[in-house]
PDB file of N, CA and C in Angstrom:
ATOM      1  N   MET A   1     -14.387  12.517  29.042  1.00  0.00           N
ATOM      2  CA  MET A   1     -13.106  12.259  28.384  1.00  0.00           C
ATOM      3  C   MET A   1     -13.335  11.296  27.216  1.00  0.00           C
ATOM      4  N   PRO A   2     -12.854  11.635  25.994  1.00  0.00           N
ATOM      5  CA  PRO A   2     -13.086  10.775  24.837  1.00  0.00           C
ATOM      6  C   PRO A   2     -12.293   9.472  24.920  1.00  0.00           C
ATOM      7  N   HIS A   3     -12.832   8.465  24.279  1.00  0.00           N
ATOM      8  CA  HIS A   3     -12.171   7.169  24.257  1.00  0.00           C
ATOM      9  C   HIS A   3     -10.974   7.201  23.313  1.00  0.00           C
ATOM     10  N   ALA A   4     -10.105   6.204  23.435  1.00  0.00           N
ATOM     11  CA  ALA A   4      -8.896   6.141  22.612  1.00  0.00           C
ATOM     12  C   ALA A   4      -9.241   6.029  21.129  1.00  0.00           C
ATOM     13  N   ALA A   5     -10.274   5.273  20.814  1.00  0.00           N
ATOM     14  CA  ALA A   5     -10.658   5.109  19.403  1.00  0.00           C
ATOM     15  C   ALA A   5     -11.091   6.435  18.796  1.00  0.00           C
ATOM     16  N   GLU A   6     -11.812   7.253  19.581  1.00  0.00           N
ATOM     17  CA  GLU A   6     -12.242   8.554  19.075  1.00  0.00           C
ATOM     18  C   GLU A   6     -11.060   9.484  18.857  1.00  0.00           C
ATOM     19  N   LEU A   7     -10.088   9.416  19.737  1.00  0.00           N
ATOM     20  CA  LEU A   7      -8.888  10.242  19.586  1.00  0.00           C
ATOM     21  C   LEU A   7      -8.110   9.835  18.339  1.00  0.00           C
ATOM     22  N   ILE A   8      -7.984   8.543  18.126  1.00  0.00           N
ATOM     23  CA  ILE A   8      -7.261   8.052  16.948  1.00  0.00           C
ATOM     24  C   ILE A   8      -7.968   8.498  15.678  1.00  0.00           C
ATOM     25  N   GLN A   9      -9.295   8.407  15.669  1.00  0.00           N
ATOM     26  CA  GLN A   9     -10.050   8.855  14.496  1.00  0.00           C
ATOM     27  C   GLN A   9      -9.858  10.349  14.248  1.00  0.00           C
ATOM     28  N   ALA A  10      -9.835  11.124  15.311  1.00  0.00           N
ATOM     29  CA  ALA A  10      -9.663  12.572  15.167  1.00  0.00           C
ATOM     30  C   ALA A  10      -8.282  12.903  14.599  1.00  0.00           C
ATOM     31  N   VAL A  11      -7.251  12.215  15.081  1.00  0.00           N
ATOM     32  CA  VAL A  11      -5.892  12.456  14.588  1.00  0.00           C
ATOM     33  C   VAL A  11      -5.780  12.039  13.127  1.00  0.00           C
ATOM     34  N   GLU A  12      -6.360  10.886  12.774  1.00  0.00           N
ATOM     35  CA  GLU A  12      -6.333  10.432  11.384  1.00  0.00           C
ATOM     36  C   GLU A  12      -7.069  11.409  10.476  1.00  0.00           C
ATOM     37  N   PHE A  13      -8.196  11.929  10.940  1.00  0.00           N
ATOM     38  CA  PHE A  13      -8.964  12.869  10.134  1.00  0.00           C
ATOM     39  C   PHE A  13      -8.164  14.134   9.862  1.00  0.00           C
ATOM     40  N   GLN A  14      -7.486  14.648  10.893  1.00  0.00           N
ATOM     41  CA  GLN A  14      -6.682  15.851  10.717  1.00  0.00           C
ATOM     42  C   GLN A  14      -5.516  15.608   9.765  1.00  0.00           C
ATOM     43  N   SER A  15      -4.864  14.466   9.876  1.00  0.00           N
ATOM     44  CA  SER A  15      -3.729  14.193   9.003  1.00  0.00           C
ATOM     45  C   SER A  15      -4.181  13.953   7.569  1.00  0.00           C
ATOM     46  N   MET A  16      -5.372  13.394   7.376  1.00  0.00           N
ATOM     47  CA  MET A  16      -5.885  13.189   6.023  1.00  0.00           C
ATOM     48  C   MET A  16      -6.264  14.524   5.381  1.00  0.00           C
ATOM     49  N   GLN A  17      -6.681  15.499   6.178  1.00  0.00           N
ATOM     50  CA  GLN A  17      -7.014  16.813   5.641  1.00  0.00           C
ATOM     51  C   GLN A  17      -5.771  17.480   5.051  1.00  0.00           C
ATOM     52  N   LYS A  18      -4.618  17.253   5.664  1.00  0.00           N
ATOM     53  CA  LYS A  18      -3.372  17.851   5.188  1.00  0.00           C
ATOM     54  C   LYS A  18      -2.887  17.197   3.901  1.00  0.00           C
ATOM     55  N   LEU A  19      -3.244  15.943   3.702  1.00  0.00           N
ATOM     56  CA  LEU A  19      -2.718  15.175   2.580  1.00  0.00           C
ATOM     57  C   LEU A  19      -3.649  15.219   1.374  1.00  0.00           C
ATOM     58  N   THR A  20      -3.929  16.393   0.891  1.00  0.00           N
ATOM     59  CA  THR A  20      -4.741  16.498  -0.316  1.00  0.00           C
ATOM     60  C   THR A  20      -3.795  16.369  -1.503  1.00  0.00           C
ATOM     61  N   ASP A  21      -3.974  15.312  -2.269  1.00  0.00           N
ATOM     62  CA  ASP A  21      -3.047  14.998  -3.353  1.00  0.00           C
ATOM     63  C   ASP A  21      -3.827  14.382  -4.500  1.00  0.00           C
ATOM     64  N   GLU A  22      -3.183  14.241  -5.646  1.00  0.00           N
ATOM     65  CA  GLU A  22      -3.817  13.609  -6.797  1.00  0.00           C
ATOM     66  C   GLU A  22      -3.671  12.095  -6.750  1.00  0.00           C
ATOM     67  N   ARG A  23      -3.332  11.541  -5.633  1.00  0.00           N
ATOM     68  CA  ARG A  23      -3.103  10.101  -5.529  1.00  0.00           C
ATOM     69  C   ARG A  23      -4.394   9.306  -5.407  1.00  0.00           C
ATOM     70  N   THR A  24      -5.523   9.968  -5.389  1.00  0.00           N
ATOM     71  CA  THR A  24      -6.772   9.255  -5.158  1.00  0.00           C
ATOM     72  C   THR A  24      -7.249   8.482  -6.372  1.00  0.00           C
ATOM     73  N   ASN A  25      -6.742   8.788  -7.574  1.00  0.00           N
ATOM     74  CA  ASN A  25      -7.235   8.108  -8.762  1.00  0.00           C
ATOM     75  C   ASN A  25      -6.400   6.886  -9.135  1.00  0.00           C
ATOM     76  N   ILE A  26      -5.549   6.411  -8.270  1.00  0.00           N
ATOM     77  CA  ILE A  26      -4.717   5.234  -8.542  1.00  0.00           C
ATOM     78  C   ILE A  26      -5.523   3.989  -8.225  1.00  0.00           C
ATOM     79  N   GLN A  27      -5.506   3.034  -9.170  1.00  0.00           N
ATOM     80  CA  GLN A  27      -6.246   1.796  -8.992  1.00  0.00           C
ATOM     81  C   GLN A  27      -5.355   0.596  -9.311  1.00  0.00           C
ATOM     82  N   ILE A  28      -5.857  -0.584  -9.010  1.00  0.00           N
ATOM     83  CA  ILE A  28      -5.141  -1.815  -9.306  1.00  0.00           C
ATOM     84  C   ILE A  28      -4.993  -1.942 -10.820  1.00  0.00           C
ATOM     85  N   GLY A  29      -3.807  -2.344 -11.271  1.00  0.00           N
ATOM     86  CA  GLY A  29      -3.561  -2.533 -12.689  1.00  0.00           C
ATOM     87  C   GLY A  29      -2.976  -1.322 -13.381  1.00  0.00           C
ATOM     88  N   ASP A  30      -2.915  -0.190 -12.708  1.00  0.00           N
ATOM     89  CA  ASP A  30      -2.348   1.011 -13.313  1.00  0.00           C
ATOM     90  C   ASP A  30      -0.830   0.892 -13.397  1.00  0.00           C
ATOM     91  N   THR A  31      -0.268   1.419 -14.483  1.00  0.00           N
ATOM     92  CA  THR A  31       1.182   1.537 -14.587  1.00  0.00           C
ATOM     93  C   THR A  31       1.541   2.913 -14.043  1.00  0.00           C
ATOM     94  N   VAL A  32       2.425   2.938 -13.057  1.00  0.00           N
ATOM     95  CA  VAL A  32       2.729   4.190 -12.360  1.00  0.00           C
ATOM     96  C   VAL A  32       4.231   4.444 -12.307  1.00  0.00           C
ATOM     97  N   ASN A  33       4.569   5.712 -12.185  1.00  0.00           N
ATOM     98  CA  ASN A  33       5.923   6.142 -11.864  1.00  0.00           C
ATOM     99  C   ASN A  33       5.894   6.638 -10.423  1.00  0.00           C
ATOM    100  N   VAL A  34       6.660   6.004  -9.544  1.00  0.00           N
ATOM    101  CA  VAL A  34       6.741   6.436  -8.152  1.00  0.00           C
ATOM    102  C   VAL A  34       8.095   7.106  -7.958  1.00  0.00           C
ATOM    103  N   ASN A  35       8.087   8.392  -7.642  1.00  0.00           N
ATOM    104  CA  ASN A  35       9.320   9.126  -7.374  1.00  0.00           C
ATOM    105  C   ASN A  35       9.607   9.058  -5.883  1.00  0.00           C
ATOM    106  N   VAL A  36      10.703   8.373  -5.532  1.00  0.00           N
ATOM    107  CA  VAL A  36      11.051   8.121  -4.139  1.00  0.00           C
ATOM    108  C   VAL A  36      12.310   8.906  -3.790  1.00  0.00           C
ATOM    109  N   LYS A  37      12.294   9.562  -2.635  1.00  0.00           N
ATOM    110  CA  LYS A  37      13.484  10.269  -2.153  1.00  0.00           C
ATOM    111  C   LYS A  37      14.430   9.260  -1.517  1.00  0.00           C
ATOM    112  N   ILE A  38      15.680   9.252  -1.977  1.00  0.00           N
ATOM    113  CA  ILE A  38      16.704   8.365  -1.442  1.00  0.00           C
ATOM    114  C   ILE A  38      17.760   9.234  -0.773  1.00  0.00           C
ATOM    115  N   VAL A  39      18.096   8.913   0.479  1.00  0.00           N
ATOM    116  CA  VAL A  39      19.109   9.668   1.209  1.00  0.00           C
ATOM    117  C   VAL A  39      20.373   8.832   1.257  1.00  0.00           C
ATOM    118  N   GLU A  40      21.452   9.384   0.679  1.00  0.00           N
ATOM    119  CA  GLU A  40      22.755   8.718   0.694  1.00  0.00           C
ATOM    120  C   GLU A  40      23.744   9.640   1.398  1.00  0.00           C
ATOM    121  N   GLY A  41      24.052   9.316   2.632  1.00  0.00           N
ATOM    122  CA  GLY A  41      24.929  10.181   3.406  1.00  0.00           C
ATOM    123  C   GLY A  41      24.259  11.510   3.660  1.00  0.00           C
ATOM    124  N   ASN A  42      24.871  12.583   3.174  1.00  0.00           N
ATOM    125  CA  ASN A  42      24.265  13.908   3.358  1.00  0.00           C
ATOM    126  C   ASN A  42      23.594  14.403   2.078  1.00  0.00           C
ATOM    127  N   ARG A  43      23.585  13.560   1.030  1.00  0.00           N
ATOM    128  CA  ARG A  43      22.946  13.934  -0.231  1.00  0.00           C
ATOM    129  C   ARG A  43      21.581  13.280  -0.350  1.00  0.00           C
ATOM    130  N   GLU A  44      20.717  13.933  -1.079  1.00  0.00           N
ATOM    131  CA  GLU A  44      19.368  13.410  -1.291  1.00  0.00           C
ATOM    132  C   GLU A  44      19.077  13.439  -2.786  1.00  0.00           C
ATOM    133  N   ARG A  45      18.552  12.332  -3.310  1.00  0.00           N
ATOM    134  CA  ARG A  45      18.213  12.277  -4.724  1.00  0.00           C
ATOM    135  C   ARG A  45      16.864  11.607  -4.887  1.00  0.00           C
ATOM    136  N   ILE A  46      16.324  11.676  -6.109  1.00  0.00           N
ATOM    137  CA  ILE A  46      15.026  11.082  -6.391  1.00  0.00           C
ATOM    138  C   ILE A  46      15.226   9.906  -7.331  1.00  0.00           C
ATOM    139  N   GLN A  47      14.675   8.762  -6.960  1.00  0.00           N
ATOM    140  CA  GLN A  47      14.752   7.555  -7.770  1.00  0.00           C
ATOM    141  C   GLN A  47      13.351   7.219  -8.276  1.00  0.00           C
ATOM    142  N   VAL A  48      13.241   6.901  -9.556  1.00  0.00           N
ATOM    143  CA  VAL A  48      11.950   6.591 -10.161  1.00  0.00           C
ATOM    144  C   VAL A  48      11.782   5.077 -10.208  1.00  0.00           C
ATOM    145  N   PHE A  49      10.642   4.597  -9.733  1.00  0.00           N
ATOM    146  CA  PHE A  49      10.302   3.175  -9.780  1.00  0.00           C
ATOM    147  C   PHE A  49       9.032   3.060 -10.611  1.00  0.00           C
ATOM    148  N   GLN A  50       9.157   2.467 -11.802  1.00  0.00           N
ATOM    149  CA  GLN A  50       8.014   2.352 -12.708  1.00  0.00           C
ATOM    150  C   GLN A  50       7.561   0.908 -12.763  1.00  0.00           C
ATOM    151  N   GLY A  51       6.251   0.697 -12.581  1.00  0.00           N
ATOM    152  CA  GLY A  51       5.717  -0.648 -12.641  1.00  0.00           C
ATOM    153  C   GLY A  51       4.207  -0.656 -12.542  1.00  0.00           C
ATOM    154  N   VAL A  52       3.663  -1.864 -12.395  1.00  0.00           N
ATOM    155  CA  VAL A  52       2.222  -2.072 -12.339  1.00  0.00           C
ATOM    156  C   VAL A  52       1.799  -2.218 -10.882  1.00  0.00           C
ATOM    157  N   VAL A  53       0.727  -1.558 -10.501  1.00  0.00           N
ATOM    158  CA  VAL A  53       0.176  -1.693  -9.150  1.00  0.00           C
ATOM    159  C   VAL A  53      -0.539  -3.040  -9.087  1.00  0.00           C
ATOM    160  N   ILE A  54       0.002  -3.981  -8.281  1.00  0.00           N
ATOM    161  CA  ILE A  54      -0.606  -5.312  -8.211  1.00  0.00           C
ATOM    162  C   ILE A  54      -1.434  -5.495  -6.948  1.00  0.00           C
ATOM    163  N   ALA A  55      -1.266  -4.618  -5.948  1.00  0.00           N
ATOM    164  CA  ALA A  55      -2.045  -4.754  -4.718  1.00  0.00           C
ATOM    165  C   ALA A  55      -2.114  -3.424  -3.997  1.00  0.00           C
ATOM    166  N   MET A  56      -3.238  -3.217  -3.307  1.00  0.00           N
ATOM    167  CA  MET A  56      -3.392  -2.087  -2.401  1.00  0.00           C
ATOM    168  C   MET A  56      -3.974  -2.630  -1.111  1.00  0.00           C
ATOM    169  N   LYS A  57      -3.414  -2.191   0.004  1.00  0.00           N
ATOM    170  CA  LYS A  57      -3.858  -2.680   1.308  1.00  0.00           C
ATOM    171  C   LYS A  57      -4.071  -1.505   2.245  1.00  0.00           C
ATOM    172  N   GLY A  58      -4.863  -1.740   3.272  1.00  0.00           N
ATOM    173  CA  GLY A  58      -5.075  -0.736   4.293  1.00  0.00           C
ATOM    174  C   GLY A  58      -6.062   0.330   3.872  1.00  0.00           C
ATOM    175  N   SER A  59      -6.275   1.283   4.764  1.00  0.00           N
ATOM    176  CA  SER A  59      -7.190   2.381   4.487  1.00  0.00           C
ATOM    177  C   SER A  59      -6.691   3.640   5.176  1.00  0.00           C
ATOM    178  N   SER A  60      -7.195   4.748   4.756  1.00  0.00           N
ATOM    179  CA  SER A  60      -6.878   6.085   5.257  1.00  0.00           C
ATOM    180  C   SER A  60      -5.367   6.305   5.310  1.00  0.00           C
ATOM    181  N   ILE A  61      -4.824   6.585   6.452  1.00  0.00           N
ATOM    182  CA  ILE A  61      -3.413   6.960   6.568  1.00  0.00           C
ATOM    183  C   ILE A  61      -2.486   5.748   6.450  1.00  0.00           C
ATOM    184  N   ASN A  62      -3.009   4.545   6.683  1.00  0.00           N
ATOM    185  CA  ASN A  62      -2.192   3.332   6.648  1.00  0.00           C
ATOM    186  C   ASN A  62      -2.212   2.629   5.295  1.00  0.00           C
ATOM    187  N   LYS A  63      -2.688   3.291   4.274  1.00  0.00           N
ATOM    188  CA  LYS A  63      -2.814   2.685   2.955  1.00  0.00           C
ATOM    189  C   LYS A  63      -1.437   2.434   2.339  1.00  0.00           C
ATOM    190  N   SER A  64      -1.296   1.283   1.678  1.00  0.00           N
ATOM    191  CA  SER A  64      -0.038   0.973   0.999  1.00  0.00           C
ATOM    192  C   SER A  64      -0.329   0.338  -0.349  1.00  0.00           C
ATOM    193  N   LEU A  65       0.629   0.474  -1.270  1.00  0.00           N
ATOM    194  CA  LEU A  65       0.466  -0.129  -2.577  1.00  0.00           C
ATOM    195  C   LEU A  65       1.724  -0.891  -2.942  1.00  0.00           C
ATOM    196  N   THR A  66       1.552  -2.017  -3.639  1.00  0.00           N
ATOM    197  CA  THR A  66       2.662  -2.844  -4.083  1.00  0.00           C
ATOM    198  C   THR A  66       2.797  -2.662  -5.583  1.00  0.00           C
ATOM    199  N   VAL A  67       4.007  -2.277  -6.008  1.00  0.00           N
ATOM    200  CA  VAL A  67       4.280  -2.023  -7.413  1.00  0.00           C
ATOM    201  C   VAL A  67       5.283  -3.066  -7.892  1.00  0.00           C
ATOM    202  N   ARG A  68       4.997  -3.672  -9.044  1.00  0.00           N
ATOM    203  CA  ARG A  68       5.860  -4.709  -9.608  1.00  0.00           C
ATOM    204  C   ARG A  68       6.388  -4.264 -10.961  1.00  0.00           C
ATOM    205  N   ARG A  69       7.683  -4.511 -11.176  1.00  0.00           N
ATOM    206  CA  ARG A  69       8.280  -4.254 -12.485  1.00  0.00           C
ATOM    207  C   ARG A  69       9.244  -5.386 -12.802  1.00  0.00           C
ATOM    208  N   VAL A  70       9.586  -5.509 -14.070  1.00  0.00           N
ATOM    209  CA  VAL A  70      10.551  -6.516 -14.485  1.00  0.00           C
ATOM    210  C   VAL A  70      11.866  -5.801 -14.742  1.00  0.00           C
ATOM    211  N   ALA A  71      12.888  -6.158 -13.959  1.00  0.00           N
ATOM    212  CA  ALA A  71      14.196  -5.510 -14.053  1.00  0.00           C
ATOM    213  C   ALA A  71      15.052  -6.229 -15.098  1.00  0.00           C
ATOM    214  N   ALA A  72      16.332  -6.008 -15.062  1.00  0.00           N
ATOM    215  CA  ALA A  72      17.260  -6.587 -16.028  1.00  0.00           C
ATOM    216  C   ALA A  72      17.224  -8.109 -15.968  1.00  0.00           C
ATOM    217  N   HIS A  73      17.393  -8.749 -17.113  1.00  0.00           N
ATOM    218  CA  HIS A  73      17.442 -10.204 -17.258  1.00  0.00           C
ATOM    219  C   HIS A  73      16.145 -10.881 -16.832  1.00  0.00           C
ATOM    220  N   GLY A  74      15.021 -10.172 -16.910  1.00  0.00           N
ATOM    221  CA  GLY A  74      13.727 -10.783 -16.636  1.00  0.00           C
ATOM    222  C   GLY A  74      13.446 -11.063 -15.178  1.00  0.00           C
ATOM    223  N   ILE A  75      14.138 -10.402 -14.272  1.00  0.00           N
ATOM    224  CA  ILE A  75      13.926 -10.608 -12.846  1.00  0.00           C
ATOM    225  C   ILE A  75      12.839  -9.654 -12.372  1.00  0.00           C
ATOM    226  N   GLY A  76      11.797 -10.199 -11.736  1.00  0.00           N
ATOM    227  CA  GLY A  76      10.712  -9.376 -11.231  1.00  0.00           C
ATOM    228  C   GLY A  76      11.081  -8.743  -9.901  1.00  0.00           C
ATOM    229  N   VAL A  77      10.784  -7.460  -9.769  1.00  0.00           N
ATOM    230  CA  VAL A  77      11.069  -6.715  -8.542  1.00  0.00           C
ATOM    231  C   VAL A  77       9.769  -6.097  -8.051  1.00  0.00           C
ATOM    232  N   GLU A  78       9.451  -6.319  -6.781  1.00  0.00           N
ATOM    233  CA  GLU A  78       8.260  -5.720  -6.179  1.00  0.00           C
ATOM    234  C   GLU A  78       8.677  -4.831  -5.026  1.00  0.00           C
ATOM    235  N   ARG A  79       8.012  -3.689  -4.933  1.00  0.00           N
ATOM    236  CA  ARG A  79       8.253  -2.784  -3.814  1.00  0.00           C
ATOM    237  C   ARG A  79       6.926  -2.348  -3.252  1.00  0.00           C
ATOM    238  N   THR A  80       6.844  -2.315  -1.943  1.00  0.00           N
ATOM    239  CA  THR A  80       5.644  -1.851  -1.265  1.00  0.00           C
ATOM    240  C   THR A  80       5.913  -0.457  -0.712  1.00  0.00           C
ATOM    241  N   PHE A  81       5.039   0.476  -1.057  1.00  0.00           N
ATOM    242  CA  PHE A  81       5.184   1.859  -0.624  1.00  0.00           C
ATOM    243  C   PHE A  81       4.018   2.229   0.267  1.00  0.00           C
ATOM    244  N   LEU A  82       4.286   2.980   1.335  1.00  0.00           N
ATOM    245  CA  LEU A  82       3.209   3.595   2.087  1.00  0.00           C
ATOM    246  C   LEU A  82       2.662   4.742   1.242  1.00  0.00           C
ATOM    247  N   PHE A  83       1.358   4.764   1.086  1.00  0.00           N
ATOM    248  CA  PHE A  83       0.711   5.694   0.169  1.00  0.00           C
ATOM    249  C   PHE A  83       1.017   7.146   0.526  1.00  0.00           C
ATOM    250  N   TYR A  84       1.004   7.484   1.792  1.00  0.00           N
ATOM    251  CA  TYR A  84       1.208   8.856   2.237  1.00  0.00           C
ATOM    252  C   TYR A  84       2.553   9.047   2.916  1.00  0.00           C
ATOM    253  N   SER A  85       3.551   8.295   2.501  1.00  0.00           N
ATOM    254  CA  SER A  85       4.879   8.415   3.088  1.00  0.00           C
ATOM    255  C   SER A  85       5.525   9.736   2.689  1.00  0.00           C
ATOM    256  N   PRO A  86       6.260  10.367   3.601  1.00  0.00           N
ATOM    257  CA  PRO A  86       6.963  11.598   3.222  1.00  0.00           C
ATOM    258  C   PRO A  86       8.113  11.336   2.248  1.00  0.00           C
ATOM    259  N   ARG A  87       8.540  10.086   2.112  1.00  0.00           N
ATOM    260  CA  ARG A  87       9.610   9.749   1.170  1.00  0.00           C
ATOM    261  C   ARG A  87       9.115   9.698  -0.279  1.00  0.00           C
ATOM    262  N   ILE A  88       7.825   9.550  -0.462  1.00  0.00           N
ATOM    263  CA  ILE A  88       7.275   9.537  -1.814  1.00  0.00           C
ATOM    264  C   ILE A  88       6.981  10.973  -2.223  1.00  0.00           C
ATOM    265  N   GLU A  89       7.641  11.403  -3.293  1.00  0.00           N
ATOM    266  CA  GLU A  89       7.417  12.769  -3.751  1.00  0.00           C
ATOM    267  C   GLU A  89       6.157  12.841  -4.608  1.00  0.00           C
ATOM    268  N   THR A  90       6.085  12.020  -5.651  1.00  0.00           N
ATOM    269  CA  THR A  90       4.894  11.991  -6.493  1.00  0.00           C
ATOM    270  C   THR A  90       4.625  10.569  -6.974  1.00  0.00           C
ATOM    271  N   ILE A  91       3.375  10.315  -7.305  1.00  0.00           N
ATOM    272  CA  ILE A  91       2.978   9.080  -7.966  1.00  0.00           C
ATOM    273  C   ILE A  91       2.216   9.513  -9.213  1.00  0.00           C
ATOM    274  N   LYS A  92       2.761   9.180 -10.379  1.00  0.00           N
ATOM    275  CA  LYS A  92       2.151   9.599 -11.638  1.00  0.00           C
ATOM    276  C   LYS A  92       1.613   8.368 -12.363  1.00  0.00           C
ATOM    277  N   VAL A  93       0.343   8.414 -12.748  1.00  0.00           N
ATOM    278  CA  VAL A  93      -0.273   7.306 -13.472  1.00  0.00           C
ATOM    279  C   VAL A  93       0.036   7.464 -14.957  1.00  0.00           C
ATOM    280  N   LEU A  94       0.653   6.428 -15.543  1.00  0.00           N
ATOM    281  CA  LEU A  94       0.984   6.464 -16.965  1.00  0.00           C
ATOM    282  C   LEU A  94      -0.128   5.873 -17.822  1.00  0.00           C
ATOM    283  N   ARG A  95      -0.712   4.767 -17.360  1.00  0.00           N
ATOM    284  CA  ARG A  95      -1.813   4.156 -18.101  1.00  0.00           C
ATOM    285  C   ARG A  95      -2.684   3.348 -17.148  1.00  0.00           C
ATOM    286  N   HIS A  96      -3.947   3.215 -17.515  1.00  0.00           N
ATOM    287  CA  HIS A  96      -4.905   2.434 -16.746  1.00  0.00           C
ATOM    288  C   HIS A  96      -5.120   1.103 -17.457  1.00  0.00           C
ATOM    289  N   ALA A  97      -5.330   0.049 -16.696  1.00  0.00           N
ATOM    290  CA  ALA A  97      -5.565  -1.263 -17.284  1.00  0.00           C
ATOM    291  C   ALA A  97      -6.932  -1.780 -16.857  1.00  0.00           C
ATOM    292  N   LYS A  98      -7.497  -2.617 -17.709  1.00  0.00           N
ATOM    293  CA  LYS A  98      -8.782  -3.239 -17.425  1.00  0.00           C
ATOM    294  C   LYS A  98      -8.517  -4.524 -16.647  1.00  0.00           C
ATOM    295  N   VAL A  99      -8.907  -4.555 -15.388  1.00  0.00           N
ATOM    296  CA  VAL A  99      -8.687  -5.728 -14.539  1.00  0.00           C
ATOM    297  C   VAL A  99      -9.997  -6.129 -13.888  1.00  0.00           C
ATOM    298  N   ARG A 100     -10.066  -7.404 -13.487  1.00  0.00           N
ATOM    299  CA  ARG A 100     -11.311  -7.919 -12.914  1.00  0.00           C
ATOM    300  C   ARG A 100     -11.103  -8.489 -11.521  1.00  0.00           C
ATOM    301  N   ARG A 101      -9.980  -8.180 -10.912  1.00  0.00           N
ATOM    302  CA  ARG A 101      -9.744  -8.667  -9.553  1.00  0.00           C
ATOM    303  C   ARG A 101      -8.964  -7.637  -8.748  1.00  0.00           C
ATOM    304  N   ALA A 102      -8.976  -7.813  -7.434  1.00  0.00           N
ATOM    305  CA  ALA A 102      -8.383  -6.818  -6.534  1.00  0.00           C
ATOM    306  C   ALA A 102      -6.889  -6.999  -6.357  1.00  0.00           C
ATOM    307  N   LYS A 103      -6.390  -8.214  -6.490  1.00  0.00           N
ATOM    308  CA  LYS A 103      -4.960  -8.487  -6.337  1.00  0.00           C
ATOM    309  C   LYS A 103      -4.471  -9.183  -7.603  1.00  0.00           C
ATOM    310  N   LEU A 104      -3.389  -8.687  -8.167  1.00  0.00           N
ATOM    311  CA  LEU A 104      -2.878  -9.232  -9.418  1.00  0.00           C
ATOM    312  C   LEU A 104      -1.638 -10.088  -9.179  1.00  0.00           C
ATOM    313  N   TYR A 105      -1.689 -10.946  -8.171  1.00  0.00           N
ATOM    314  CA  TYR A 105      -0.542 -11.783  -7.850  1.00  0.00           C
ATOM    315  C   TYR A 105      -0.239 -12.807  -8.939  1.00  0.00           C
ATOM    316  N   PHE A 106      -1.206 -13.087  -9.815  1.00  0.00           N
ATOM    317  CA  PHE A 106      -0.981 -14.048 -10.882  1.00  0.00           C
ATOM    318  C   PHE A 106       0.070 -13.549 -11.877  1.00  0.00           C
ATOM    319  N   LEU A 107       0.361 -12.253 -11.884  1.00  0.00           N
ATOM    320  CA  LEU A 107       1.382 -11.717 -12.782  1.00  0.00           C
ATOM    321  C   LEU A 107       2.782 -12.182 -12.403  1.00  0.00           C
ATOM    322  N   ARG A 108       2.951 -12.642 -11.175  1.00  0.00           N
ATOM    323  CA  ARG A 108       4.259 -13.133 -10.738  1.00  0.00           C
ATOM    324  C   ARG A 108       4.682 -14.361 -11.527  1.00  0.00           C
ATOM    325  N   ASP A 109       3.721 -15.190 -11.902  1.00  0.00           N
ATOM    326  CA  ASP A 109       4.027 -16.439 -12.593  1.00  0.00           C
ATOM    327  C   ASP A 109       4.107 -16.270 -14.104  1.00  0.00           C
ATOM    328  N   ARG A 110       3.836 -15.084 -14.609  1.00  0.00           N
ATOM    329  CA  ARG A 110       3.773 -14.887 -16.049  1.00  0.00           C
ATOM    330  C   ARG A 110       4.918 -14.019 -16.541  1.00  0.00           C
ATOM    331  N   SER A 111       5.242 -14.200 -17.811  1.00  0.00           N
ATOM    332  CA  SER A 111       6.261 -13.361 -18.437  1.00  0.00           C
ATOM    333  C   SER A 111       5.887 -13.172 -19.894  1.00  0.00           C
ATOM    334  N   GLY A 112       6.429 -12.158 -20.508  1.00  0.00           N
ATOM    335  CA  GLY A 112       6.167 -11.912 -21.918  1.00  0.00           C
ATOM    336  C   GLY A 112       4.765 -11.400 -22.172  1.00  0.00           C
ATOM    337  N   LYS A 113       4.164 -11.905 -23.267  1.00  0.00           N
ATOM    338  CA  LYS A 113       2.858 -11.404 -23.677  1.00  0.00           C
ATOM    339  C   LYS A 113       1.753 -11.754 -22.686  1.00  0.00           C
ATOM    340  N   SER A 114       1.858 -12.876 -22.004  1.00  0.00           N
ATOM    341  CA  SER A 114       0.794 -13.270 -21.076  1.00  0.00           C
ATOM    342  C   SER A 114       0.764 -12.393 -19.835  1.00  0.00           C
ATOM    343  N   ALA A 115       1.814 -11.621 -19.609  1.00  0.00           N
ATOM    344  CA  ALA A 115       1.857 -10.732 -18.447  1.00  0.00           C
ATOM    345  C   ALA A 115       1.308  -9.346 -18.765  1.00  0.00           C
ATOM    346  N   ARG A 116       0.884  -9.138 -20.007  1.00  0.00           N
ATOM    347  CA  ARG A 116       0.352  -7.828 -20.377  1.00  0.00           C
ATOM    348  C   ARG A 116      -1.086  -7.674 -19.903  1.00  0.00           C
ATOM    349  N   LEU A 117      -1.446  -6.447 -19.588  1.00  0.00           N
ATOM    350  CA  LEU A 117      -2.814  -6.124 -19.200  1.00  0.00           C
ATOM    351  C   LEU A 117      -3.429  -5.254 -20.283  1.00  0.00           C
ATOM    352  N   LYS A 118      -4.700  -5.453 -20.539  1.00  0.00           N
ATOM    353  CA  LYS A 118      -5.404  -4.698 -21.571  1.00  0.00           C
ATOM    354  C   LYS A 118      -5.628  -3.260 -21.089  1.00  0.00           C
ATOM    355  N   GLU A 119      -5.304  -2.300 -21.947  1.00  0.00           N
ATOM    356  CA  GLU A 119      -5.425  -0.893 -21.567  1.00  0.00           C
ATOM    357  C   GLU A 119      -6.887  -0.466 -21.557  1.00  0.00           C
ATOM    358  N   ARG A 120      -7.234   0.333 -20.556  1.00  0.00           N
ATOM    359  CA  ARG A 120      -8.580   0.873 -20.440  1.00  0.00           C
ATOM    360  C   ARG A 120      -8.554   2.295 -20.987  1.00  0.00           C
ATOM    361  N   ARG A 121      -9.365   2.533 -21.967  1.00  0.00           N
ATOM    362  CA  ARG A 121      -9.388   3.856 -22.606  1.00  0.00           C
ATOM    363  C   ARG A 121     -10.671   4.580 -22.218  1.00  0.00           C
ATOM    364  N   PHE A 122     -10.548   5.885 -22.037  1.00  0.00           N
ATOM    365  CA  PHE A 122     -11.696   6.710 -21.696  1.00  0.00           C
ATOM    366  C   PHE A 122     -12.079   7.532 -22.923  1.00  0.00           C
ATOM    367  N   ALA A 123     -13.329   7.448 -23.318  1.00  0.00           N
ATOM    368  CA  ALA A 123     -13.761   8.154 -24.535  1.00  0.00           C
ATOM    369  C   ALA A 123     -14.104   9.594 -24.255  1.00  0.00           C
TER     370      ALA A 123
END
């Protein structure tokens, strides 16, 4: 009889096989559009959340990403999304940034030009 850890690995492997998506090229510092399904009563709509990926945590099926944007009146808004959530319809990368660290929490304290990230261009 297999151990619990082996069973969990087998289930995770099967679920990862089903989730073949273009989400693998997302990195820290990327500006992304996250299309999220919102259910209001019996209606369902898609809401777009655009911002910079400041953190990624977890691995395989438990992976999550934190996206930060500046809303009206300069108020920063952060949302954490489960990477493979059924509520996320698509994640589209708009631009890549050149970053030198894994977590960009320092952007919370910055505003204006100092909060900009240098764009990474591919030749």
